[in-house]
C-alpha atoms as a PDB file:
ATOM      1  CA  UNK A   1     165.427  58.844  14.317  1.00  0.00           C
ATOM      2  CA  UNK A   2     163.026  58.325  17.312  1.00  0.00           C
ATOM      3  CA  UNK A   3     162.585  62.098  17.794  1.00  0.00           C
ATOM      4  CA  UNK A   4     161.696  62.514  14.118  1.00  0.00           C
ATOM      5  CA  UNK A   5     159.382  59.436  14.150  1.00  0.00           C
ATOM      6  CA  UNK A   6     157.709  60.899  17.326  1.00  0.00           C
ATOM      7  CA  UNK A   7     157.012  64.068  15.281  1.00  0.00           C
ATOM      8  CA  UNK A   8     155.031  62.084  12.604  1.00  0.00           C
ATOM      9  CA  UNK A   9     157.620  61.667   9.951  1.00  0.00           C
ATOM     10  CA  UNK A  10     157.601  58.554   7.624  1.00  0.00           C
ATOM     11  CA  UNK A  11     160.529  56.234   7.444  1.00  0.00           C
ATOM     12  CA  UNK A  12     161.008  57.677   3.852  1.00  0.00           C
ATOM     13  CA  UNK A  13     160.994  61.285   5.211  1.00  0.00           C
ATOM     14  CA  UNK A  14     163.399  60.485   7.791  1.00  0.00           C
ATOM     15  CA  UNK A  15     165.686  58.707   5.260  1.00  0.00           C
ATOM     16  CA  UNK A  16     165.639  61.874   3.174  1.00  0.00           C
ATOM     17  CA  UNK A  17     166.306  64.045   6.221  1.00  0.00           C
ATOM     18  CA  UNK A  18     169.354  62.052   7.217  1.00  0.00           C
ATOM     19  CA  UNK A  19     170.645  62.102   3.668  1.00  0.00           C
ATOM     20  CA  UNK A  20     170.231  65.919   3.313  1.00  0.00           C
ATOM     21  CA  UNK A  21     171.432  66.907   6.819  1.00  0.00           C
ATOM     22  CA  UNK A  22     174.214  64.324   7.616  1.00  0.00           C
ATOM     23  CA  UNK A  23     174.948  62.767   4.215  1.00  0.00           C
ATOM     24  CA  UNK A  24     173.926  59.378   5.707  1.00  0.00           C
ATOM     25  CA  UNK A  25     172.633  56.636   3.493  1.00  0.00           C
ATOM     26  CA  UNK A  26     170.278  54.906   5.715  1.00  0.00           C
ATOM     27  CA  UNK A  27     167.648  52.412   4.409  1.00  0.00           C
ATOM     28  CA  UNK A  28     163.927  52.575   5.403  1.00  0.00           C
ATOM     29  CA  UNK A  29     164.307  48.983   6.791  1.00  0.00           C
ATOM     30  CA  UNK A  30     166.995  50.106   9.239  1.00  0.00           C
ATOM     31  CA  UNK A  31     164.938  53.023  10.236  1.00  0.00           C
ATOM     32  CA  UNK A  32     162.035  50.814  10.912  1.00  0.00           C
ATOM     33  CA  UNK A  33     164.257  48.408  12.995  1.00  0.00           C
ATOM     34  CA  UNK A  34     165.419  51.427  14.991  1.00  0.00           C
ATOM     35  CA  UNK A  35     161.798  52.349  15.849  1.00  0.00           C
ATOM     36  CA  UNK A  36     161.015  48.730  16.672  1.00  0.00           C
ATOM     37  CA  UNK A  37     163.261  49.081  19.759  1.00  0.00           C
ATOM     38  CA  UNK A  38     160.549  50.959  21.527  1.00  0.00           C
ATOM     39  CA  UNK A  39     158.125  48.110  21.143  1.00  0.00           C
ATOM     40  CA  UNK A  40     159.340  46.188  24.231  1.00  0.00           C
ATOM     41  CA  UNK A  41     159.255  49.422  26.382  1.00  0.00           C
ATOM     42  CA  UNK A  42     155.756  49.995  24.953  1.00  0.00           C
ATOM     43  CA  UNK A  43     154.493  46.635  25.935  1.00  0.00           C
ATOM     44  CA  UNK A  44     155.893  47.046  29.432  1.00  0.00           C
ATOM     45  CA  UNK A  45     154.451  50.452  29.678  1.00  0.00           C
ATOM     46  CA  UNK A  46     150.873  49.148  28.631  1.00  0.00           C
ATOM     47  CA  UNK A  47     151.124  46.506  31.305  1.00  0.00           C
ATOM     48  CA  UNK A  48     152.784  48.408  34.234  1.00  0.00           C
ATOM     49  CA  UNK A  49     150.936  48.323  37.671  1.00  0.00           C
ATOM     50  CA  UNK A  50     149.160  51.580  38.519  1.00  0.00           C
ATOM     51  CA  UNK A  51     148.209  53.383  41.838  1.00  0.00           C
ATOM     52  CA  UNK A  52     145.383  52.086  43.778  1.00  0.00           C
ATOM     53  CA  UNK A  53     143.650  55.527  43.843  1.00  0.00           C
ATOM     54  CA  UNK A  54     143.501  58.359  41.387  1.00  0.00           C
ATOM     55  CA  UNK A  55     142.325  61.836  42.379  1.00  0.00           C
ATOM     56  CA  UNK A  56     141.148  62.707  38.817  1.00  0.00           C
ATOM     57  CA  UNK A  57     140.851  60.650  35.590  1.00  0.00           C
ATOM     58  CA  UNK A  58     140.126  61.881  32.131  1.00  0.00           C
ATOM     59  CA  UNK A  59     138.934  59.702  29.414  1.00  0.00           C
ATOM     60  CA  UNK A  60     138.713  60.630  25.752  1.00  0.00           C
ATOM     61  CA  UNK A  61     139.129  59.172  22.238  1.00  0.00           C
ATOM     62  CA  UNK A  62     140.709  60.505  19.059  1.00  0.00           C
ATOM     63  CA  UNK A  63     140.533  59.119  15.516  1.00  0.00           C
ATOM     64  CA  UNK A  64     143.480  58.140  13.424  1.00  0.00           C
ATOM     65  CA  UNK A  65     143.703  56.311  10.097  1.00  0.00           C
ATOM     66  CA  UNK A  66     145.066  52.795   9.819  1.00  0.00           C
ATOM     67  CA  UNK A  67     145.405  50.619   6.783  1.00  0.00           C
ATOM     68  CA  UNK A  68     144.023  47.155   7.496  1.00  0.00           C
ATOM     69  CA  UNK A  69     143.264  45.902   3.986  1.00  0.00           C
ATOM     70  CA  UNK A  70     141.958  49.325   3.343  1.00  0.00           C
ATOM     71  CA  UNK A  71     142.390  52.686   5.128  1.00  0.00           C
ATOM     72  CA  UNK A  72     139.841  53.206   7.867  1.00  0.00           C
ATOM     73  CA  UNK A  73     139.082  55.510  10.751  1.00  0.00           C
ATOM     74  CA  UNK A  74     140.077  53.903  14.065  1.00  0.00           C
ATOM     75  CA  UNK A  75     139.316  55.359  17.583  1.00  0.00           C
ATOM     76  CA  UNK A  76     142.332  55.603  20.052  1.00  0.00           C
ATOM     77  CA  UNK A  77     140.961  55.347  23.597  1.00  0.00           C
ATOM     78  CA  UNK A  78     143.105  57.414  25.991  1.00  0.00           C
ATOM     79  CA  UNK A  79     142.920  57.626  29.798  1.00  0.00           C
ATOM     80  CA  UNK A  80     144.913  60.295  31.764  1.00  0.00           C
ATOM     81  CA  UNK A  81     145.149  60.088  35.472  1.00  0.00           C
ATOM     82  CA  UNK A  82     146.212  62.482  38.406  1.00  0.00           C
ATOM     83  CA  UNK A  83     147.444  60.544  41.390  1.00  0.00           C
ATOM     84  CA  UNK A  84     147.145  61.471  45.013  1.00  0.00           C
ATOM     85  CA  UNK A  85     150.688  62.894  44.832  1.00  0.00           C
ATOM     86  CA  UNK A  86     149.592  65.361  42.113  1.00  0.00           C
ATOM     87  CA  UNK A  87     151.443  63.617  39.197  1.00  0.00           C
ATOM     88  CA  UNK A  88     149.692  63.280  35.812  1.00  0.00           C
ATOM     89  CA  UNK A  89     150.295  60.505  33.522  1.00  0.00           C
ATOM     90  CA  UNK A  90     148.726  58.552  30.754  1.00  0.00           C
ATOM     91  CA  UNK A  91     147.367  55.469  32.325  1.00  0.00           C
ATOM     92  CA  UNK A  92     146.543  53.582  29.099  1.00  0.00           C
ATOM     93  CA  UNK A  93     145.982  53.786  25.293  1.00  0.00           C
ATOM     94  CA  UNK A  94     144.242  51.301  23.075  1.00  0.00           C
ATOM     95  CA  UNK A  95     143.322  51.299  19.323  1.00  0.00           C
ATOM     96  CA  UNK A  96     139.637  50.140  18.802  1.00  0.00           C
ATOM     97  CA  UNK A  97     137.598  49.178  15.802  1.00  0.00           C
ATOM     98  CA  UNK A  98     134.715  51.113  14.260  1.00  0.00           C
ATOM     99  CA  UNK A  99     133.426  54.090  16.229  1.00  0.00           C
ATOM    100  CA  UNK A 100     133.942  54.939  19.810  1.00  0.00           C
ATOM    101  CA  UNK A 101     131.718  52.718  22.065  1.00  0.00           C
ATOM    102  CA  UNK A 102     130.853  52.521  25.710  1.00  0.00           C
ATOM    103  CA  UNK A 103     131.182  48.723  25.677  1.00  0.00           C
ATOM    104  CA  UNK A 104     134.588  49.024  24.500  1.00  0.00           C
ATOM    105  CA  UNK A 105     135.360  51.714  27.190  1.00  0.00           C
ATOM    106  CA  UNK A 106     134.136  49.107  29.744  1.00  0.00           C
ATOM    107  CA  UNK A 107     136.775  46.546  28.631  1.00  0.00           C
ATOM    108  CA  UNK A 108     139.470  49.171  28.976  1.00  0.00           C
ATOM    109  CA  UNK A 109     138.373  50.563  32.348  1.00  0.00           C
ATOM    110  CA  UNK A 110     138.172  47.027  33.685  1.00  0.00           C
ATOM    111  CA  UNK A 111     141.779  46.468  32.370  1.00  0.00           C
ATOM    112  CA  UNK A 112     142.823  49.569  34.340  1.00  0.00           C
ATOM    113  CA  UNK A 113     141.218  47.973  37.580  1.00  0.00           C
ATOM    114  CA  UNK A 114     143.054  44.652  36.901  1.00  0.00           C
ATOM    115  CA  UNK A 115     146.268  46.822  36.843  1.00  0.00           C
ATOM    116  CA  UNK A 116     145.493  48.144  40.258  1.00  0.00           C
ATOM    117  CA  UNK A 117     143.188  51.101  40.068  1.00  0.00           C
ATOM    118  CA  UNK A 118     140.540  50.369  42.734  1.00  0.00           C
ATOM    119  CA  UNK A 119     139.003  53.801  43.083  1.00  0.00           C
ATOM    120  CA  UNK A 120     138.720  57.370  41.393  1.00  0.00           C
ATOM    121  CA  UNK A 121     137.408  60.491  43.091  1.00  0.00           C
ATOM    122  CA  UNK A 122     136.136  62.273  39.915  1.00  0.00           C
ATOM    123  CA  UNK A 123     136.199  61.248  36.377  1.00  0.00           C
ATOM    124  CA  UNK A 124     135.796  63.539  33.330  1.00  0.00           C
ATOM    125  CA  UNK A 125     134.348  62.135  30.100  1.00  0.00           C
ATOM    126  CA  UNK A 126     132.656  63.358  26.913  1.00  0.00           C
ATOM    127  CA  UNK A 127     129.102  62.171  27.765  1.00  0.00           C
ATOM    128  CA  UNK A 128     129.058  59.282  25.404  1.00  0.00           C
ATOM    129  CA  UNK A 129     125.754  57.377  25.599  1.00  0.00           C
ATOM    130  CA  UNK A 130     126.208  54.303  27.977  1.00  0.00           C
ATOM    131  CA  UNK A 131     129.482  55.636  29.366  1.00  0.00           C
ATOM    132  CA  UNK A 132     128.002  56.433  32.851  1.00  0.00           C
ATOM    133  CA  UNK A 133     127.003  52.814  33.216  1.00  0.00           C
ATOM    134  CA  UNK A 134     130.473  51.656  32.251  1.00  0.00           C
ATOM    135  CA  UNK A 135     132.221  54.138  34.740  1.00  0.00           C
ATOM    136  CA  UNK A 136     129.846  52.960  37.455  1.00  0.00           C
ATOM    137  CA  UNK A 137     130.608  49.410  36.766  1.00  0.00           C
ATOM    138  CA  UNK A 138     134.255  50.000  37.126  1.00  0.00           C
ATOM    139  CA  UNK A 139     134.401  52.614  40.013  1.00  0.00           C
ATOM    140  CA  UNK A 140     131.008  52.763  41.655  1.00  0.00           C
ATOM    141  CA  UNK A 141     131.885  55.583  43.874  1.00  0.00           C
ATOM    142  CA  UNK A 142     133.505  57.939  41.431  1.00  0.00           C
ATOM    143  CA  UNK A 143     131.824  61.335  40.636  1.00  0.00           C
ATOM    144  CA  UNK A 144     131.141  61.322  36.913  1.00  0.00           C
ATOM    145  CA  UNK A 145     131.649  64.775  35.422  1.00  0.00           C
ATOM    146  CA  UNK A 146     130.725  65.660  31.862  1.00  0.00           C
ATOM    147  CA  UNK A 147     133.671  67.473  30.080  1.00  0.00           C
ATOM    148  CA  UNK A 148     132.762  71.016  29.513  1.00  0.00           C
ATOM    149  CA  UNK A 149     134.857  71.334  26.328  1.00  0.00           C
ATOM    150  CA  UNK A 150     133.007  68.505  24.718  1.00  0.00           C
ATOM    151  CA  UNK A 151     129.571  69.866  25.935  1.00  0.00           C
ATOM    152  CA  UNK A 152     130.338  73.213  24.197  1.00  0.00           C
ATOM    153  CA  UNK A 153     131.635  71.662  21.138  1.00  0.00           C
ATOM    154  CA  UNK A 154     128.551  69.348  20.790  1.00  0.00           C
ATOM    155  CA  UNK A 155     126.292  72.466  21.281  1.00  0.00           C
ATOM    156  CA  UNK A 156     127.911  74.219  18.275  1.00  0.00           C
ATOM    157  CA  UNK A 157     127.128  71.112  16.094  1.00  0.00           C
ATOM    158  CA  UNK A 158     123.432  72.033  16.548  1.00  0.00           C
ATOM    159  CA  UNK A 159     123.826  75.665  15.815  1.00  0.00           C
ATOM    160  CA  UNK A 160     124.484  78.000  12.808  1.00  0.00           C
ATOM    161  CA  UNK A 161     128.200  79.084  12.519  1.00  0.00           C
ATOM    162  CA  UNK A 162     127.206  82.802  12.508  1.00  0.00           C
ATOM    163  CA  UNK A 163     125.806  82.237  15.962  1.00  0.00           C
ATOM    164  CA  UNK A 164     128.822  80.494  17.476  1.00  0.00           C
ATOM    165  CA  UNK A 165     130.399  83.550  18.988  1.00  0.00           C
ATOM    166  CA  UNK A 166     127.270  84.643  20.786  1.00  0.00           C
ATOM    167  CA  UNK A 167     126.401  80.969  21.921  1.00  0.00           C
ATOM    168  CA  UNK A 168     130.009  80.239  23.350  1.00  0.00           C
ATOM    169  CA  UNK A 169     130.013  83.692  25.276  1.00  0.00           C
ATOM    170  CA  UNK A 170     126.642  82.693  26.802  1.00  0.00           C
ATOM    171  CA  UNK A 171     127.838  79.236  27.598  1.00  0.00           C
ATOM    172  CA  UNK A 172     130.859  80.464  29.288  1.00  0.00           C
ATOM    173  CA  UNK A 173     128.665  82.431  31.674  1.00  0.00           C
ATOM    174  CA  UNK A 174     127.058  79.053  32.660  1.00  0.00           C
ATOM    175  CA  UNK A 175     130.127  76.977  33.225  1.00  0.00           C
ATOM    176  CA  UNK A 176     132.129  79.831  34.921  1.00  0.00           C
ATOM    177  CA  UNK A 177     129.222  80.809  37.304  1.00  0.00           C
ATOM    178  CA  UNK A 178     130.143  81.045  40.964  1.00  0.00           C
ATOM    179  CA  UNK A 179     127.516  78.615  42.073  1.00  0.00           C
ATOM    180  CA  UNK A 180     125.173  75.946  40.756  1.00  0.00           C
ATOM    181  CA  UNK A 181     122.154  78.305  41.428  1.00  0.00           C
ATOM    182  CA  UNK A 182     123.874  81.043  39.502  1.00  0.00           C
ATOM    183  CA  UNK A 183     124.556  78.563  36.686  1.00  0.00           C
ATOM    184  CA  UNK A 184     121.021  77.525  36.681  1.00  0.00           C
ATOM    185  CA  UNK A 185     119.920  81.260  36.303  1.00  0.00           C
ATOM    186  CA  UNK A 186     122.331  81.787  33.350  1.00  0.00           C
ATOM    187  CA  UNK A 187     121.003  78.736  31.644  1.00  0.00           C
ATOM    188  CA  UNK A 188     117.398  79.845  31.821  1.00  0.00           C
ATOM    189  CA  UNK A 189     118.623  83.130  30.406  1.00  0.00           C
ATOM    190  CA  UNK A 190     120.300  81.187  27.640  1.00  0.00           C
ATOM    191  CA  UNK A 191     117.098  79.153  26.999  1.00  0.00           C
ATOM    192  CA  UNK A 192     114.952  82.310  26.735  1.00  0.00           C
ATOM    193  CA  UNK A 193     117.465  83.676  24.091  1.00  0.00           C
ATOM    194  CA  UNK A 194     118.280  80.463  22.034  1.00  0.00           C
ATOM    195  CA  UNK A 195     115.580  77.879  22.940  1.00  0.00           C
ATOM    196  CA  UNK A 196     113.226  78.610  20.077  1.00  0.00           C
ATOM    197  CA  UNK A 197     115.979  78.539  17.495  1.00  0.00           C
ATOM    198  CA  UNK A 198     118.089  75.773  18.855  1.00  0.00           C
ATOM    199  CA  UNK A 199     115.914  73.538  20.988  1.00  0.00           C
ATOM    200  CA  UNK A 200     118.320  70.662  20.488  1.00  0.00           C
ATOM    201  CA  UNK A 201     121.136  72.639  22.302  1.00  0.00           C
ATOM    202  CA  UNK A 202     118.780  73.058  25.154  1.00  0.00           C
ATOM    203  CA  UNK A 203     117.934  69.491  25.430  1.00  0.00           C
ATOM    204  CA  UNK A 204     121.666  68.596  25.330  1.00  0.00           C
ATOM    205  CA  UNK A 205     122.296  70.781  28.243  1.00  0.00           C
ATOM    206  CA  UNK A 206     119.114  69.544  30.249  1.00  0.00           C
ATOM    207  CA  UNK A 207     120.058  66.002  29.651  1.00  0.00           C
ATOM    208  CA  UNK A 208     123.790  66.627  30.730  1.00  0.00           C
ATOM    209  CA  UNK A 209     122.938  68.918  33.579  1.00  0.00           C
ATOM    210  CA  UNK A 210     123.254  66.462  36.482  1.00  0.00           C
ATOM    211  CA  UNK A 211     126.697  65.264  35.292  1.00  0.00           C
ATOM    212  CA  UNK A 212     127.877  68.796  34.222  1.00  0.00           C
ATOM    213  CA  UNK A 213     127.240  70.453  37.651  1.00  0.00           C
ATOM    214  CA  UNK A 214     129.591  68.472  40.069  1.00  0.00           C
ATOM    215  CA  UNK A 215     132.649  70.739  39.486  1.00  0.00           C
ATOM    216  CA  UNK A 216     130.687  73.774  40.194  1.00  0.00           C
ATOM    217  CA  UNK A 217     130.816  72.905  43.810  1.00  0.00           C
ATOM    218  CA  UNK A 218     134.673  73.700  43.869  1.00  0.00           C
ATOM    219  CA  UNK A 219     136.295  76.981  44.128  1.00  0.00           C
ATOM    220  CA  UNK A 220     136.965  78.760  40.779  1.00  0.00           C
ATOM    221  CA  UNK A 221     140.750  78.396  41.263  1.00  0.00           C
ATOM    222  CA  UNK A 222     140.346  74.681  41.784  1.00  0.00           C
ATOM    223  CA  UNK A 223     138.118  74.213  38.692  1.00  0.00           C
ATOM    224  CA  UNK A 224     140.866  75.616  36.493  1.00  0.00           C
ATOM    225  CA  UNK A 225     143.236  72.977  37.751  1.00  0.00           C
ATOM    226  CA  UNK A 226     140.894  69.989  37.198  1.00  0.00           C
ATOM    227  CA  UNK A 227     139.178  71.323  33.924  1.00  0.00           C
ATOM    228  CA  UNK A 228     139.911  69.147  30.987  1.00  0.00           C
ATOM    229  CA  UNK A 229     140.539  72.080  28.622  1.00  0.00           C
ATOM    230  CA  UNK A 230     144.393  72.229  29.076  1.00  0.00           C
ATOM    231  CA  UNK A 231     145.321  68.653  29.898  1.00  0.00           C
ATOM    232  CA  UNK A 232     143.437  66.574  27.482  1.00  0.00           C
ATOM    233  CA  UNK A 233     143.320  69.033  24.744  1.00  0.00           C
ATOM    234  CA  UNK A 234     147.095  69.617  24.940  1.00  0.00           C
ATOM    235  CA  UNK A 235     147.618  65.845  24.667  1.00  0.00           C
ATOM    236  CA  UNK A 236     145.181  65.384  21.755  1.00  0.00           C
ATOM    237  CA  UNK A 237     146.987  68.377  19.997  1.00  0.00           C
ATOM    238  CA  UNK A 238     150.260  66.520  20.323  1.00  0.00           C
ATOM    239  CA  UNK A 239     148.691  63.449  18.929  1.00  0.00           C
ATOM    240  CA  UNK A 240     147.217  65.093  16.095  1.00  0.00           C
ATOM    241  CA  UNK A 241     150.505  66.843  15.058  1.00  0.00           C
ATOM    242  CA  UNK A 242     152.275  63.515  15.131  1.00  0.00           C
ATOM    243  CA  UNK A 243     149.737  61.700  13.078  1.00  0.00           C
ATOM    244  CA  UNK A 244     148.255  64.415  10.711  1.00  0.00           C
ATOM    245  CA  UNK A 245     151.241  64.499   8.277  1.00  0.00           C
ATOM    246  CA  UNK A 246     151.350  60.718   7.910  1.00  0.00           C
ATOM    247  CA  UNK A 247     147.992  60.515   6.444  1.00  0.00           C
ATOM    248  CA  UNK A 248     147.531  56.957   7.717  1.00  0.00           C
ATOM    249  CA  UNK A 249     149.609  54.227   9.489  1.00  0.00           C
ATOM    250  CA  UNK A 250     150.381  50.803   7.917  1.00  0.00           C
ATOM    251  CA  UNK A 251     149.571  48.967  11.050  1.00  0.00           C
ATOM    252  CA  UNK A 252     148.132  49.359  14.603  1.00  0.00           C
ATOM    253  CA  UNK A 253     151.733  48.804  16.025  1.00  0.00           C
ATOM    254  CA  UNK A 254     153.196  51.634  13.825  1.00  0.00           C
ATOM    255  CA  UNK A 255     150.476  53.959  15.303  1.00  0.00           C
ATOM    256  CA  UNK A 256     151.065  52.809  18.920  1.00  0.00           C
ATOM    257  CA  UNK A 257     154.864  53.457  18.538  1.00  0.00           C
ATOM    258  CA  UNK A 258     154.173  57.080  17.420  1.00  0.00           C
ATOM    259  CA  UNK A 259     151.608  57.742  20.103  1.00  0.00           C
ATOM    260  CA  UNK A 260     153.786  56.072  22.922  1.00  0.00           C
ATOM    261  CA  UNK A 261     156.769  58.365  21.853  1.00  0.00           C
ATOM    262  CA  UNK A 262     154.534  61.349  21.996  1.00  0.00           C
ATOM    263  CA  UNK A 263     153.561  60.429  25.626  1.00  0.00           C
ATOM    264  CA  UNK A 264     157.078  59.749  26.721  1.00  0.00           C
ATOM    265  CA  UNK A 265     158.763  62.636  24.917  1.00  0.00           C
ATOM    266  CA  UNK A 266     160.910  64.821  27.154  1.00  0.00           C
ATOM    267  CA  UNK A 267     160.175  68.481  26.964  1.00  0.00           C
ATOM    268  CA  UNK A 268     161.016  71.623  29.115  1.00  0.00           C
ATOM    269  CA  UNK A 269     159.915  71.593  32.742  1.00  0.00           C
ATOM    270  CA  UNK A 270     156.124  71.803  33.091  1.00  0.00           C
ATOM    271  CA  UNK A 271     155.537  70.664  29.520  1.00  0.00           C
ATOM    272  CA  UNK A 272     155.944  66.925  29.791  1.00  0.00           C
ATOM    273  CA  UNK A 273     152.796  64.857  29.834  1.00  0.00           C
ATOM    274  CA  UNK A 274     153.985  63.196  33.014  1.00  0.00           C
ATOM    275  CA  UNK A 275     154.380  66.169  35.512  1.00  0.00           C
ATOM    276  CA  UNK A 276     153.146  67.366  38.852  1.00  0.00           C
ATOM    277  CA  UNK A 277     150.101  69.755  38.951  1.00  0.00           C
ATOM    278  CA  UNK A 278     151.040  73.184  40.417  1.00  0.00           C
ATOM    279  CA  UNK A 279     149.184  73.932  43.786  1.00  0.00           C
ATOM    280  CA  UNK A 280     148.258  70.210  44.077  1.00  0.00           C
ATOM    281  CA  UNK A 281     147.874  70.310  47.844  1.00  0.00           C
ATOM    282  CA  UNK A 282     144.975  72.711  47.635  1.00  0.00           C
ATOM    283  CA  UNK A 283     143.244  70.750  45.000  1.00  0.00           C
ATOM    284  CA  UNK A 284     143.537  67.447  46.830  1.00  0.00           C
ATOM    285  CA  UNK A 285     142.025  68.912  50.103  1.00  0.00           C
ATOM    286  CA  UNK A 286     139.142  70.283  48.077  1.00  0.00           C
ATOM    287  CA  UNK A 287     138.535  67.000  46.231  1.00  0.00           C
ATOM    288  CA  UNK A 288     138.775  65.053  49.467  1.00  0.00           C
ATOM    289  CA  UNK A 289     136.086  67.323  51.003  1.00  0.00           C
ATOM    290  CA  UNK A 290     133.731  66.772  47.983  1.00  0.00           C
ATOM    291  CA  UNK A 291     134.262  63.175  47.183  1.00  0.00           C
ATOM    292  CA  UNK A 292     131.777  61.494  49.501  1.00  0.00           C
ATOM    293  CA  UNK A 293     128.927  59.860  47.587  1.00  0.00           C
ATOM    294  CA  UNK A 294     125.587  61.471  48.212  1.00  0.00           C
ATOM    295  CA  UNK A 295     123.761  58.143  48.542  1.00  0.00           C
ATOM    296  CA  UNK A 296     125.339  57.305  51.776  1.00  0.00           C
ATOM    297  CA  UNK A 297     127.906  54.749  50.563  1.00  0.00           C
ATOM    298  CA  UNK A 298     131.321  55.115  52.135  1.00  0.00           C
ATOM    299  CA  UNK A 299     134.772  54.679  50.431  1.00  0.00           C
ATOM    300  CA  UNK A 300     137.450  52.606  52.223  1.00  0.00           C
ATOM    301  CA  UNK A 301     140.152  54.551  54.093  1.00  0.00           C
ATOM    302  CA  UNK A 302     142.914  55.833  51.879  1.00  0.00           C
ATOM    303  CA  UNK A 303     146.589  55.786  52.541  1.00  0.00           C
END
């Protein structure tokens, strides 16, 4: 029942499945009670103490539908971290109201501080307005990196679909450049080609440039391991698979139960959400060498 619930089946669909496959007559109420056993684990998980320092943290939000009087879109705030030991984990999930907001992010980031996260080396986000200030308030010494996936995706919103292939190819040349100088040259070439037709795209990249470039200081191999594409997109994909077929959730708790089961679902080695990053020693050494703030501030010694 828990496995089927985690895959997004409703209590009615699970009831039908059990009757068809096993000939079992199980009421929806019983199925709901079975899924409620995870609530205690969920609450413990949401309040568990966290590591003092995380090497990399990713923050993002997805949208689900929850019926609260009427069905409405609700943002789910998600934070994924990689500890100094190289293990990734979902540090927290919260369902907000209305659209995604930087002020709400500040509340949740401070909650993570209260659960023990004193410092982060590098944090990836979607570049939401006001988010840099929220991140700096929570972790003043963290390097804030704009997520390349979101930057490219936002660029396409300002352009015509027929140009998407050419634009994504050109942008790939920017974010895969070997150095910051090389990325700057390719961006100027991109500007010459597309600046007249899509000035909003150029403004987007110029505005985001300072927070886009930090990861270009790392070797190409390191960039692949700390880039957001695989990790956060894989998690979001699992969330969408589990929530899409439902249409909407009756309550916030019903939604959180499904999302929690997705996070804790056991899969084959390497496919679990909580797993160790391959080649982590190389990544940690690279991060440690690049994590000193440029304004002269010093972090406290780490264990």
